[in-house]
Amino acid sequence: MVVDALSDEAVNRLFHALADSTRRDILRRAAAGELSVSRLAEAYPMSFAAVQKHVAVLEGAGLVIKVRHGREQLVSTAPDAVDQAHRALDALAEAWEGRLNRMSDLLRQETPGDGPR
């Protein structure tokens, strides 16, 4: 399935990244303003390295951008991050609506005296 410019692999990375509550929280924090990875790490009961890995997954999915500023790595939400997820979900919804509409059409075509077709 291709969602606009997103390949299946990109959609998989996107949903994998959003499947984790810590990554969703990091994304929310980054949306509120640019934060350093070390500042983000202070908010979680895990190691700095674990937070770095979460940020790397988000970055790989195109949801955040990480920029080096001196000794710090600053994290911000990618401009079209939410739009990517929205487009992917819209494409899935459209596919399922089409399937449901086809099933409804088939069910309407059957008459009470007919057997299954």
PDB file of N, CA and C in Angstrom:
ATOM      1  N   MET A   1       0.848  -1.181   0.000  1.00  0.00           N
ATOM      2  CA  MET A   1       0.000   0.000   0.000  1.00  0.00           C
ATOM      3  C   MET A   1       0.886   1.234   0.000  1.00  0.00           C
ATOM      4  N   VAL A   2       0.616   2.177  -0.884  1.00  0.00           N
ATOM      5  CA  VAL A   2       1.357   3.427  -0.902  1.00  0.00           C
ATOM      6  C   VAL A   2       0.401   4.539  -0.494  1.00  0.00           C
ATOM      7  N   VAL A   3       0.792   5.300   0.495  1.00  0.00           N
ATOM      8  CA  VAL A   3      -0.009   6.408   0.981  1.00  0.00           C
ATOM      9  C   VAL A   3       0.682   7.669   0.507  1.00  0.00           C
ATOM     10  N   ASP A   4       0.108   8.305  -0.536  1.00  0.00           N
ATOM     11  CA  ASP A   4       0.760   9.441  -1.184  1.00  0.00           C
ATOM     12  C   ASP A   4       2.220   9.065  -1.428  1.00  0.00           C
ATOM     13  N   ALA A   5       3.166   9.768  -0.772  1.00  0.00           N
ATOM     14  CA  ALA A   5       4.580   9.502  -0.992  1.00  0.00           C
ATOM     15  C   ALA A   5       5.126   8.498   0.008  1.00  0.00           C
ATOM     16  N   LEU A   6       4.296   7.969   0.891  1.00  0.00           N
ATOM     17  CA  LEU A   6       4.774   7.037   1.910  1.00  0.00           C
ATOM     18  C   LEU A   6       4.701   5.603   1.397  1.00  0.00           C
ATOM     19  N   SER A   7       5.810   4.901   1.506  1.00  0.00           N
ATOM     20  CA  SER A   7       5.850   3.493   1.121  1.00  0.00           C
ATOM     21  C   SER A   7       5.324   2.648   2.270  1.00  0.00           C
ATOM     22  N   ASP A   8       5.110   1.372   2.006  1.00  0.00           N
ATOM     23  CA  ASP A   8       4.701   0.451   3.074  1.00  0.00           C
ATOM     24  C   ASP A   8       5.711   0.485   4.216  1.00  0.00           C
ATOM     25  N   GLU A   9       6.978   0.500   3.865  1.00  0.00           N
ATOM     26  CA  GLU A   9       8.031   0.515   4.884  1.00  0.00           C
ATOM     27  C   GLU A   9       7.957   1.782   5.742  1.00  0.00           C
ATOM     28  N   ALA A  10       7.706   2.916   5.109  1.00  0.00           N
ATOM     29  CA  ALA A  10       7.594   4.178   5.851  1.00  0.00           C
ATOM     30  C   ALA A  10       6.377   4.167   6.773  1.00  0.00           C
ATOM     31  N   VAL A  11       5.273   3.630   6.291  1.00  0.00           N
ATOM     32  CA  VAL A  11       4.061   3.531   7.123  1.00  0.00           C
ATOM     33  C   VAL A  11       4.321   2.591   8.303  1.00  0.00           C
ATOM     34  N   ASN A  12       5.024   1.490   8.057  1.00  0.00           N
ATOM     35  CA  ASN A  12       5.360   0.562   9.143  1.00  0.00           C
ATOM     36  C   ASN A  12       6.226   1.245  10.201  1.00  0.00           C
ATOM     37  N   ARG A  13       7.230   2.004   9.765  1.00  0.00           N
ATOM     38  CA  ARG A  13       8.086   2.737  10.719  1.00  0.00           C
ATOM     39  C   ARG A  13       7.274   3.753  11.509  1.00  0.00           C
ATOM     40  N   LEU A  14       6.372   4.424  10.834  1.00  0.00           N
ATOM     41  CA  LEU A  14       5.531   5.430  11.470  1.00  0.00           C
ATOM     42  C   LEU A  14       4.687   4.819  12.584  1.00  0.00           C
ATOM     43  N   PHE A  15       3.982   3.732  12.273  1.00  0.00           N
ATOM     44  CA  PHE A  15       3.116   3.118  13.280  1.00  0.00           C
ATOM     45  C   PHE A  15       3.916   2.414  14.371  1.00  0.00           C
ATOM     46  N   HIS A  16       5.061   1.860  14.014  1.00  0.00           N
ATOM     47  CA  HIS A  16       5.935   1.262  15.038  1.00  0.00           C
ATOM     48  C   HIS A  16       6.368   2.336  16.031  1.00  0.00           C
ATOM     49  N   ALA A  17       6.752   3.491  15.515  1.00  0.00           N
ATOM     50  CA  ALA A  17       7.196   4.587  16.383  1.00  0.00           C
ATOM     51  C   ALA A  17       6.061   5.066  17.281  1.00  0.00           C
ATOM     52  N   LEU A  18       4.859   5.155  16.743  1.00  0.00           N
ATOM     53  CA  LEU A  18       3.718   5.650  17.516  1.00  0.00           C
ATOM     54  C   LEU A  18       3.124   4.603  18.452  1.00  0.00           C
ATOM     55  N   ALA A  19       3.532   3.349  18.306  1.00  0.00           N
ATOM     56  CA  ALA A  19       2.973   2.280  19.130  1.00  0.00           C
ATOM     57  C   ALA A  19       3.458   2.322  20.576  1.00  0.00           C
ATOM     58  N   ASP A  20       4.536   3.027  20.839  1.00  0.00           N
ATOM     59  CA  ASP A  20       5.122   3.061  22.180  1.00  0.00           C
ATOM     60  C   ASP A  20       4.712   4.342  22.912  1.00  0.00           C
ATOM     61  N   SER A  21       4.229   4.200  24.147  1.00  0.00           N
ATOM     62  CA  SER A  21       3.749   5.361  24.902  1.00  0.00           C
ATOM     63  C   SER A  21       4.862   6.364  25.216  1.00  0.00           C
ATOM     64  N   THR A  22       6.072   5.895  25.469  1.00  0.00           N
ATOM     65  CA  THR A  22       7.177   6.818  25.735  1.00  0.00           C
ATOM     66  C   THR A  22       7.473   7.649  24.499  1.00  0.00           C
ATOM     67  N   ARG A  23       7.477   7.012  23.337  1.00  0.00           N
ATOM     68  CA  ARG A  23       7.745   7.760  22.109  1.00  0.00           C
ATOM     69  C   ARG A  23       6.634   8.764  21.811  1.00  0.00           C
ATOM     70  N   ARG A  24       5.383   8.381  22.081  1.00  0.00           N
ATOM     71  CA  ARG A  24       4.291   9.339  21.886  1.00  0.00           C
ATOM     72  C   ARG A  24       4.453  10.528  22.827  1.00  0.00           C
ATOM     73  N   ASP A  25       4.900  10.263  24.053  1.00  0.00           N
ATOM     74  CA  ASP A  25       5.111  11.357  25.005  1.00  0.00           C
ATOM     75  C   ASP A  25       6.268  12.253  24.556  1.00  0.00           C
ATOM     76  N   ILE A  26       7.338  11.663  24.070  1.00  0.00           N
ATOM     77  CA  ILE A  26       8.462  12.449  23.550  1.00  0.00           C
ATOM     78  C   ILE A  26       7.973  13.322  22.395  1.00  0.00           C
ATOM     79  N   LEU A  27       7.153  12.760  21.529  1.00  0.00           N
ATOM     80  CA  LEU A  27       6.615  13.516  20.401  1.00  0.00           C
ATOM     81  C   LEU A  27       5.772  14.694  20.887  1.00  0.00           C
ATOM     82  N   ARG A  28       4.943  14.469  21.913  1.00  0.00           N
ATOM     83  CA  ARG A  28       4.130  15.561  22.478  1.00  0.00           C
ATOM     84  C   ARG A  28       5.022  16.654  23.053  1.00  0.00           C
ATOM     85  N   ARG A  29       6.051  16.255  23.798  1.00  0.00           N
ATOM     86  CA  ARG A  29       6.963  17.237  24.384  1.00  0.00           C
ATOM     87  C   ARG A  29       7.705  18.024  23.308  1.00  0.00           C
ATOM     88  N   ALA A  30       8.135  17.327  22.259  1.00  0.00           N
ATOM     89  CA  ALA A  30       8.858  17.999  21.170  1.00  0.00           C
ATOM     90  C   ALA A  30       7.932  18.953  20.412  1.00  0.00           C
ATOM     91  N   ALA A  31       6.652  18.613  20.344  1.00  0.00           N
ATOM     92  CA  ALA A  31       5.693  19.493  19.670  1.00  0.00           C
ATOM     93  C   ALA A  31       5.497  20.793  20.444  1.00  0.00           C
ATOM     94  N   ALA A  32       5.689  20.733  21.758  1.00  0.00           N
ATOM     95  CA  ALA A  32       5.519  21.924  22.593  1.00  0.00           C
ATOM     96  C   ALA A  32       6.712  22.866  22.480  1.00  0.00           C
ATOM     97  N   GLY A  33       7.843  22.357  22.034  1.00  0.00           N
ATOM     98  CA  GLY A  33       9.030  23.189  21.875  1.00  0.00           C
ATOM     99  C   GLY A  33      10.275  22.342  21.781  1.00  0.00           C
ATOM    100  N   GLU A  34      11.287  22.889  21.168  1.00  0.00           N
ATOM    101  CA  GLU A  34      12.562  22.191  20.973  1.00  0.00           C
ATOM    102  C   GLU A  34      13.200  21.871  22.325  1.00  0.00           C
ATOM    103  N   LEU A  35      13.603  20.614  22.504  1.00  0.00           N
ATOM    104  CA  LEU A  35      14.214  20.160  23.751  1.00  0.00           C
ATOM    105  C   LEU A  35      15.479  19.377  23.450  1.00  0.00           C
ATOM    106  N   SER A  36      16.430  19.436  24.362  1.00  0.00           N
ATOM    107  CA  SER A  36      17.625  18.610  24.211  1.00  0.00           C
ATOM    108  C   SER A  36      17.291  17.183  24.641  1.00  0.00           C
ATOM    109  N   VAL A  37      18.047  16.243  24.103  1.00  0.00           N
ATOM    110  CA  VAL A  37      17.835  14.838  24.471  1.00  0.00           C
ATOM    111  C   VAL A  37      18.097  14.661  25.969  1.00  0.00           C
ATOM    112  N   SER A  38      19.098  15.348  26.497  1.00  0.00           N
ATOM    113  CA  SER A  38      19.382  15.222  27.937  1.00  0.00           C
ATOM    114  C   SER A  38      18.229  15.775  28.766  1.00  0.00           C
ATOM    115  N   ARG A  39      17.594  16.840  28.317  1.00  0.00           N
ATOM    116  CA  ARG A  39      16.434  17.393  29.035  1.00  0.00           C
ATOM    117  C   ARG A  39      15.260  16.416  28.965  1.00  0.00           C
ATOM    118  N   LEU A  40      15.058  15.818  27.806  1.00  0.00           N
ATOM    119  CA  LEU A  40      14.012  14.805  27.665  1.00  0.00           C
ATOM    120  C   LEU A  40      14.259  13.633  28.607  1.00  0.00           C
ATOM    121  N   ALA A  41      15.521  13.202  28.691  1.00  0.00           N
ATOM    122  CA  ALA A  41      15.866  12.032  29.505  1.00  0.00           C
ATOM    123  C   ALA A  41      15.531  12.243  30.978  1.00  0.00           C
ATOM    124  N   GLU A  42      15.562  13.482  31.432  1.00  0.00           N
ATOM    125  CA  GLU A  42      15.234  13.776  32.836  1.00  0.00           C
ATOM    126  C   GLU A  42      13.794  13.416  33.185  1.00  0.00           C
ATOM    127  N   ALA A  43      12.923  13.375  32.192  1.00  0.00           N
ATOM    128  CA  ALA A  43      11.499  13.141  32.428  1.00  0.00           C
ATOM    129  C   ALA A  43      11.113  11.665  32.523  1.00  0.00           C
ATOM    130  N   TYR A  44      12.054  10.770  32.257  1.00  0.00           N
ATOM    131  CA  TYR A  44      11.703   9.349  32.180  1.00  0.00           C
ATOM    132  C   TYR A  44      12.557   8.515  33.122  1.00  0.00           C
ATOM    133  N   PRO A  45      11.958   7.467  33.694  1.00  0.00           N
ATOM    134  CA  PRO A  45      12.709   6.581  34.590  1.00  0.00           C
ATOM    135  C   PRO A  45      13.508   5.533  33.822  1.00  0.00           C
ATOM    136  N   MET A  46      14.364   6.016  32.929  1.00  0.00           N
ATOM    137  CA  MET A  46      15.196   5.116  32.127  1.00  0.00           C
ATOM    138  C   MET A  46      16.506   5.826  31.844  1.00  0.00           C
ATOM    139  N   SER A  47      17.426   5.096  31.284  1.00  0.00           N
ATOM    140  CA  SER A  47      18.744   5.672  31.021  1.00  0.00           C
ATOM    141  C   SER A  47      18.692   6.675  29.864  1.00  0.00           C
ATOM    142  N   PHE A  48      19.704   7.523  29.825  1.00  0.00           N
ATOM    143  CA  PHE A  48      19.863   8.474  28.729  1.00  0.00           C
ATOM    144  C   PHE A  48      19.927   7.730  27.404  1.00  0.00           C
ATOM    145  N   ALA A  49      20.671   6.617  27.385  1.00  0.00           N
ATOM    146  CA  ALA A  49      20.816   5.826  26.158  1.00  0.00           C
ATOM    147  C   ALA A  49      19.462   5.289  25.673  1.00  0.00           C
ATOM    148  N   ALA A  50      18.605   4.892  26.604  1.00  0.00           N
ATOM    149  CA  ALA A  50      17.278   4.387  26.223  1.00  0.00           C
ATOM    150  C   ALA A  50      16.441   5.502  25.590  1.00  0.00           C
ATOM    151  N   VAL A  51      16.526   6.705  26.159  1.00  0.00           N
ATOM    152  CA  VAL A  51      15.795   7.840  25.580  1.00  0.00           C
ATOM    153  C   VAL A  51      16.360   8.164  24.196  1.00  0.00           C
ATOM    154  N   GLN A  52      17.686   8.104  24.044  1.00  0.00           N
ATOM    155  CA  GLN A  52      18.306   8.331  22.736  1.00  0.00           C
ATOM    156  C   GLN A  52      17.766   7.343  21.697  1.00  0.00           C
ATOM    157  N   LYS A  53      17.599   6.087  22.106  1.00  0.00           N
ATOM    158  CA  LYS A  53      17.076   5.075  21.186  1.00  0.00           C
ATOM    159  C   LYS A  53      15.644   5.389  20.783  1.00  0.00           C
ATOM    160  N   HIS A  54      14.827   5.829  21.749  1.00  0.00           N
ATOM    161  CA  HIS A  54      13.443   6.213  21.431  1.00  0.00           C
ATOM    162  C   HIS A  54      13.431   7.377  20.434  1.00  0.00           C
ATOM    163  N   VAL A  55      14.292   8.367  20.665  1.00  0.00           N
ATOM    164  CA  VAL A  55      14.377   9.511  19.762  1.00  0.00           C
ATOM    165  C   VAL A  55      14.833   9.041  18.379  1.00  0.00           C
ATOM    166  N   ALA A  56      15.751   8.113  18.314  1.00  0.00           N
ATOM    167  CA  ALA A  56      16.234   7.593  17.029  1.00  0.00           C
ATOM    168  C   ALA A  56      15.104   6.903  16.252  1.00  0.00           C
ATOM    169  N   VAL A  57      14.247   6.168  16.954  1.00  0.00           N
ATOM    170  CA  VAL A  57      13.112   5.517  16.292  1.00  0.00           C
ATOM    171  C   VAL A  57      12.168   6.586  15.728  1.00  0.00           C
ATOM    172  N   LEU A  58      11.888   7.614  16.526  1.00  0.00           N
ATOM    173  CA  LEU A  58      11.029   8.705  16.063  1.00  0.00           C
ATOM    174  C   LEU A  58      11.644   9.431  14.867  1.00  0.00           C
ATOM    175  N   GLU A  59      12.950   9.628  14.927  1.00  0.00           N
ATOM    176  CA  GLU A  59      13.652  10.290  13.831  1.00  0.00           C
ATOM    177  C   GLU A  59      13.606   9.425  12.565  1.00  0.00           C
ATOM    178  N   GLY A  60      13.813   8.124  12.728  1.00  0.00           N
ATOM    179  CA  GLY A  60      13.760   7.205  11.592  1.00  0.00           C
ATOM    180  C   GLY A  60      12.396   7.149  10.928  1.00  0.00           C
ATOM    181  N   ALA A  61      11.359   7.418  11.711  1.00  0.00           N
ATOM    182  CA  ALA A  61       9.996   7.431  11.171  1.00  0.00           C
ATOM    183  C   ALA A  61       9.633   8.796  10.593  1.00  0.00           C
ATOM    184  N   GLY A  62      10.535   9.767  10.726  1.00  0.00           N
ATOM    185  CA  GLY A  62      10.264  11.100  10.196  1.00  0.00           C
ATOM    186  C   GLY A  62       9.379  11.950  11.078  1.00  0.00           C
ATOM    187  N   LEU A  63       9.238  11.544  12.343  1.00  0.00           N
ATOM    188  CA  LEU A  63       8.353  12.279  13.250  1.00  0.00           C
ATOM    189  C   LEU A  63       9.057  13.411  13.991  1.00  0.00           C
ATOM    190  N   VAL A  64      10.356  13.270  14.206  1.00  0.00           N
ATOM    191  CA  VAL A  64      11.126  14.338  14.850  1.00  0.00           C
ATOM    192  C   VAL A  64      12.388  14.609  14.045  1.00  0.00           C
ATOM    193  N   ILE A  65      12.936  15.775  14.293  1.00  0.00           N
ATOM    194  CA  ILE A  65      14.203  16.168  13.685  1.00  0.00           C
ATOM    195  C   ILE A  65      15.170  16.420  14.830  1.00  0.00           C
ATOM    196  N   LYS A  66      16.373  15.895  14.698  1.00  0.00           N
ATOM    197  CA  LYS A  66      17.401  16.075  15.723  1.00  0.00           C
ATOM    198  C   LYS A  66      18.528  16.896  15.110  1.00  0.00           C
ATOM    199  N   VAL A  67      18.888  17.995  15.781  1.00  0.00           N
ATOM    200  CA  VAL A  67      19.929  18.891  15.288  1.00  0.00           C
ATOM    201  C   VAL A  67      20.959  19.092  16.387  1.00  0.00           C
ATOM    202  N   ARG A  68      22.222  18.959  16.022  1.00  0.00           N
ATOM    203  CA  ARG A  68      23.290  19.191  16.993  1.00  0.00           C
ATOM    204  C   ARG A  68      23.478  20.689  17.170  1.00  0.00           C
ATOM    205  N   HIS A  69      23.494  21.109  18.435  1.00  0.00           N
ATOM    206  CA  HIS A  69      23.723  22.510  18.775  1.00  0.00           C
ATOM    207  C   HIS A  69      24.796  22.514  19.867  1.00  0.00           C
ATOM    208  N   GLY A  70      26.044  22.689  19.453  1.00  0.00           N
ATOM    209  CA  GLY A  70      27.149  22.576  20.403  1.00  0.00           C
ATOM    210  C   GLY A  70      27.265  21.136  20.864  1.00  0.00           C
ATOM    211  N   ARG A  71      27.224  20.938  22.175  1.00  0.00           N
ATOM    212  CA  ARG A  71      27.326  19.580  22.737  1.00  0.00           C
ATOM    213  C   ARG A  71      25.969  18.909  22.870  1.00  0.00           C
ATOM    214  N   GLU A  72      24.905  19.638  22.617  1.00  0.00           N
ATOM    215  CA  GLU A  72      23.565  19.091  22.787  1.00  0.00           C
ATOM    216  C   GLU A  72      22.959  18.677  21.450  1.00  0.00           C
ATOM    217  N   GLN A  73      22.043  17.739  21.542  1.00  0.00           N
ATOM    218  CA  GLN A  73      21.239  17.358  20.396  1.00  0.00           C
ATOM    219  C   GLN A  73      19.820  17.838  20.686  1.00  0.00           C
ATOM    220  N   LEU A  74      19.325  18.758  19.871  1.00  0.00           N
ATOM    221  CA  LEU A  74      17.995  19.321  20.076  1.00  0.00           C
ATOM    222  C   LEU A  74      16.978  18.570  19.238  1.00  0.00           C
ATOM    223  N   VAL A  75      15.848  18.266  19.857  1.00  0.00           N
ATOM    224  CA  VAL A  75      14.792  17.492  19.215  1.00  0.00           C
ATOM    225  C   VAL A  75      13.581  18.387  19.018  1.00  0.00           C
ATOM    226  N   SER A  76      13.040  18.375  17.802  1.00  0.00           N
ATOM    227  CA  SER A  76      11.802  19.095  17.524  1.00  0.00           C
ATOM    228  C   SER A  76      10.927  18.223  16.630  1.00  0.00           C
ATOM    229  N   THR A  77       9.643  18.499  16.651  1.00  0.00           N
ATOM    230  CA  THR A  77       8.713  17.735  15.832  1.00  0.00           C
ATOM    231  C   THR A  77       8.911  18.109  14.361  1.00  0.00           C
ATOM    232  N   ALA A  78       8.916  17.103  13.515  1.00  0.00           N
ATOM    233  CA  ALA A  78       9.015  17.353  12.073  1.00  0.00           C
ATOM    234  C   ALA A  78       7.765  18.097  11.618  1.00  0.00           C
ATOM    235  N   PRO A  79       7.911  19.040  10.692  1.00  0.00           N
ATOM    236  CA  PRO A  79       6.775  19.875  10.291  1.00  0.00           C
ATOM    237  C   PRO A  79       5.541  19.100   9.839  1.00  0.00           C
ATOM    238  N   ASP A  80       5.732  18.008   9.121  1.00  0.00           N
ATOM    239  CA  ASP A  80       4.570  17.264   8.611  1.00  0.00           C
ATOM    240  C   ASP A  80       4.340  15.940   9.339  1.00  0.00           C
ATOM    241  N   ALA A  81       4.849  15.837  10.580  1.00  0.00           N
ATOM    242  CA  ALA A  81       4.760  14.572  11.319  1.00  0.00           C
ATOM    243  C   ALA A  81       3.321  14.115  11.514  1.00  0.00           C
ATOM    244  N   VAL A  82       2.475  14.992  11.998  1.00  0.00           N
ATOM    245  CA  VAL A  82       1.088  14.616  12.257  1.00  0.00           C
ATOM    246  C   VAL A  82       0.366  14.376  10.936  1.00  0.00           C
ATOM    247  N   ASP A  83       0.707  15.152   9.931  1.00  0.00           N
ATOM    248  CA  ASP A  83       0.077  14.975   8.625  1.00  0.00           C
ATOM    249  C   ASP A  83       0.386  13.603   8.039  1.00  0.00           C
ATOM    250  N   GLN A  84       1.617  13.117   8.232  1.00  0.00           N
ATOM    251  CA  GLN A  84       1.987  11.777   7.739  1.00  0.00           C
ATOM    252  C   GLN A  84       1.090  10.713   8.371  1.00  0.00           C
ATOM    253  N   ALA A  85       0.948  10.777   9.688  1.00  0.00           N
ATOM    254  CA  ALA A  85       0.112   9.796  10.388  1.00  0.00           C
ATOM    255  C   ALA A  85      -1.336   9.918   9.944  1.00  0.00           C
ATOM    256  N   HIS A  86      -1.794  11.139   9.778  1.00  0.00           N
ATOM    257  CA  HIS A  86      -3.175  11.370   9.354  1.00  0.00           C
ATOM    258  C   HIS A  86      -3.426  10.792   7.967  1.00  0.00           C
ATOM    259  N   ARG A  87      -2.503  11.018   7.035  1.00  0.00           N
ATOM    260  CA  ARG A  87      -2.650  10.482   5.677  1.00  0.00           C
ATOM    261  C   ARG A  87      -2.666   8.957   5.691  1.00  0.00           C
ATOM    262  N   ALA A  88      -1.799   8.351   6.500  1.00  0.00           N
ATOM    263  CA  ALA A  88      -1.745   6.890   6.569  1.00  0.00           C
ATOM    264  C   ALA A  88      -3.053   6.329   7.121  1.00  0.00           C
ATOM    265  N   LEU A  89      -3.584   6.960   8.170  1.00  0.00           N
ATOM    266  CA  LEU A  89      -4.851   6.494   8.747  1.00  0.00           C
ATOM    267  C   LEU A  89      -6.015   6.729   7.799  1.00  0.00           C
ATOM    268  N   ASP A  90      -6.010   7.851   7.087  1.00  0.00           N
ATOM    269  CA  ASP A  90      -7.060   8.111   6.105  1.00  0.00           C
ATOM    270  C   ASP A  90      -7.070   7.058   5.011  1.00  0.00           C
ATOM    271  N   ALA A  91      -5.888   6.647   4.557  1.00  0.00           N
ATOM    272  CA  ALA A  91      -5.804   5.629   3.511  1.00  0.00           C
ATOM    273  C   ALA A  91      -6.341   4.293   4.009  1.00  0.00           C
ATOM    274  N   LEU A  92      -6.036   3.951   5.259  1.00  0.00           N
ATOM    275  CA  LEU A  92      -6.573   2.708   5.826  1.00  0.00           C
ATOM    276  C   LEU A  92      -8.085   2.781   5.963  1.00  0.00           C
ATOM    277  N   ALA A  93      -8.587   3.909   6.437  1.00  0.00           N
ATOM    278  CA  ALA A  93     -10.033   4.083   6.599  1.00  0.00           C
ATOM    279  C   ALA A  93     -10.733   3.993   5.247  1.00  0.00           C
ATOM    280  N   GLU A  94     -10.140   4.599   4.231  1.00  0.00           N
ATOM    281  CA  GLU A  94     -10.722   4.556   2.887  1.00  0.00           C
ATOM    282  C   GLU A  94     -10.787   3.133   2.355  1.00  0.00           C
ATOM    283  N   ALA A  95      -9.738   2.363   2.588  1.00  0.00           N
ATOM    284  CA  ALA A  95      -9.719   0.969   2.129  1.00  0.00           C
ATOM    285  C   ALA A  95     -10.804   0.157   2.823  1.00  0.00           C
ATOM    286  N   TRP A  96     -10.937   0.338   4.135  1.00  0.00           N
ATOM    287  CA  TRP A  96     -11.955  -0.417   4.873  1.00  0.00           C
ATOM    288  C   TRP A  96     -13.366   0.026   4.516  1.00  0.00           C
ATOM    289  N   GLU A  97     -13.568   1.312   4.307  1.00  0.00           N
ATOM    290  CA  GLU A  97     -14.889   1.794   3.891  1.00  0.00           C
ATOM    291  C   GLU A  97     -15.280   1.200   2.550  1.00  0.00           C
ATOM    292  N   GLY A  98     -14.314   1.103   1.634  1.00  0.00           N
ATOM    293  CA  GLY A  98     -14.588   0.493   0.337  1.00  0.00           C
ATOM    294  C   GLY A  98     -14.994  -0.966   0.479  1.00  0.00           C
ATOM    295  N   ARG A  99     -14.300  -1.677   1.335  1.00  0.00           N
ATOM    296  CA  ARG A  99     -14.639  -3.097   1.558  1.00  0.00           C
ATOM    297  C   ARG A  99     -16.028  -3.237   2.172  1.00  0.00           C
ATOM    298  N   LEU A 100     -16.319  -2.408   3.166  1.00  0.00           N
ATOM    299  CA  LEU A 100     -17.635  -2.470   3.810  1.00  0.00           C
ATOM    300  C   LEU A 100     -18.748  -2.107   2.834  1.00  0.00           C
ATOM    301  N   ASN A 101     -18.506  -1.122   1.985  1.00  0.00           N
ATOM    302  CA  ASN A 101     -19.509  -0.738   0.992  1.00  0.00           C
ATOM    303  C   ASN A 101     -19.765  -1.872   0.000  1.00  0.00           C
ATOM    304  N   ARG A 102     -18.693  -2.561  -0.416  1.00  0.00           N
ATOM    305  CA  ARG A 102     -18.871  -3.693  -1.340  1.00  0.00           C
ATOM    306  C   ARG A 102     -19.654  -4.820  -0.672  1.00  0.00           C
ATOM    307  N   MET A 103     -19.374  -5.102   0.610  1.00  0.00           N
ATOM    308  CA  MET A 103     -20.126  -6.141   1.324  1.00  0.00           C
ATOM    309  C   MET A 103     -21.588  -5.744   1.469  1.00  0.00           C
ATOM    310  N   SER A 104     -21.852  -4.493   1.761  1.00  0.00           N
ATOM    311  CA  SER A 104     -23.231  -4.010   1.882  1.00  0.00           C
ATOM    312  C   SER A 104     -23.966  -4.159   0.567  1.00  0.00           C
ATOM    313  N   ASP A 105     -23.301  -3.819  -0.535  1.00  0.00           N
ATOM    314  CA  ASP A 105     -23.913  -3.966  -1.852  1.00  0.00           C
ATOM    315  C   ASP A 105     -24.263  -5.421  -2.134  1.00  0.00           C
ATOM    316  N   LEU A 106     -23.365  -6.332  -1.798  1.00  0.00           N
ATOM    317  CA  LEU A 106     -23.636  -7.761  -2.007  1.00  0.00           C
ATOM    318  C   LEU A 106     -24.802  -8.235  -1.161  1.00  0.00           C
ATOM    319  N   LEU A 107     -24.866  -7.792   0.069  1.00  0.00           N
ATOM    320  CA  LEU A 107     -25.969  -8.194   0.942  1.00  0.00           C
ATOM    321  C   LEU A 107     -27.304  -7.640   0.455  1.00  0.00           C
ATOM    322  N   ARG A 108     -27.312  -6.444  -0.083  1.00  0.00           N
ATOM    323  CA  ARG A 108     -28.550  -5.849  -0.610  1.00  0.00           C
ATOM    324  C   ARG A 108     -29.024  -6.582  -1.861  1.00  0.00           C
ATOM    325  N   GLN A 109     -28.087  -7.158  -2.623  1.00  0.00           N
ATOM    326  CA  GLN A 109     -28.443  -7.861  -3.854  1.00  0.00           C
ATOM    327  C   GLN A 109     -29.150  -9.175  -3.565  1.00  0.00           C
ATOM    328  N   GLU A 110     -28.893  -9.769  -2.418  1.00  0.00           N
ATOM    329  CA  GLU A 110     -29.522 -11.054  -2.091  1.00  0.00           C
ATOM    330  C   GLU A 110     -30.976 -10.827  -1.688  1.00  0.00           C
ATOM    331  N   THR A 111     -31.853 -11.703  -2.150  1.00  0.00           N
ATOM    332  CA  THR A 111     -33.257 -11.620  -1.746  1.00  0.00           C
ATOM    333  C   THR A 111     -33.502 -12.678  -0.687  1.00  0.00           C
ATOM    334  N   PRO A 112     -34.567 -12.527   0.098  1.00  0.00           N
ATOM    335  CA  PRO A 112     -34.830 -13.468   1.192  1.00  0.00           C
ATOM    336  C   PRO A 112     -34.936 -14.926   0.770  1.00  0.00           C
ATOM    337  N   GLY A 113     -35.452 -15.215  -0.418  1.00  0.00           N
ATOM    338  CA  GLY A 113     -35.602 -16.599  -0.867  1.00  0.00           C
ATOM    339  C   GLY A 113     -34.348 -17.195  -1.468  1.00  0.00           C
ATOM    340  N   ASP A 114     -33.373 -16.373  -1.788  1.00  0.00           N
ATOM    341  CA  ASP A 114     -32.139 -16.843  -2.410  1.00  0.00           C
ATOM    342  C   ASP A 114     -31.185 -17.403  -1.363  1.00  0.00           C
ATOM    343  N   GLY A 115     -30.397 -18.326  -1.780  1.00  0.00           N
ATOM    344  CA  GLY A 115     -29.318 -18.833  -0.932  1.00  0.00           C
ATOM    345  C   GLY A 115     -28.113 -17.938  -1.109  1.00  0.00           C
ATOM    346  N   PRO A 116     -27.037 -18.273  -0.447  1.00  0.00           N
ATOM    347  CA  PRO A 116     -25.823 -17.466  -0.595  1.00  0.00           C
ATOM    348  C   PRO A 116     -25.299 -17.518  -2.022  1.00  0.00           C
ATOM    349  N   ARG A 117     -24.700 -16.439  -2.462  1.00  0.00           N
ATOM    350  CA  ARG A 117     -24.155 -16.364  -3.822  1.00  0.00           C
ATOM    351  C   ARG A 117     -22.675 -16.518  -3.807  1.00  0.00           C
TER     352      ARG A 117
END
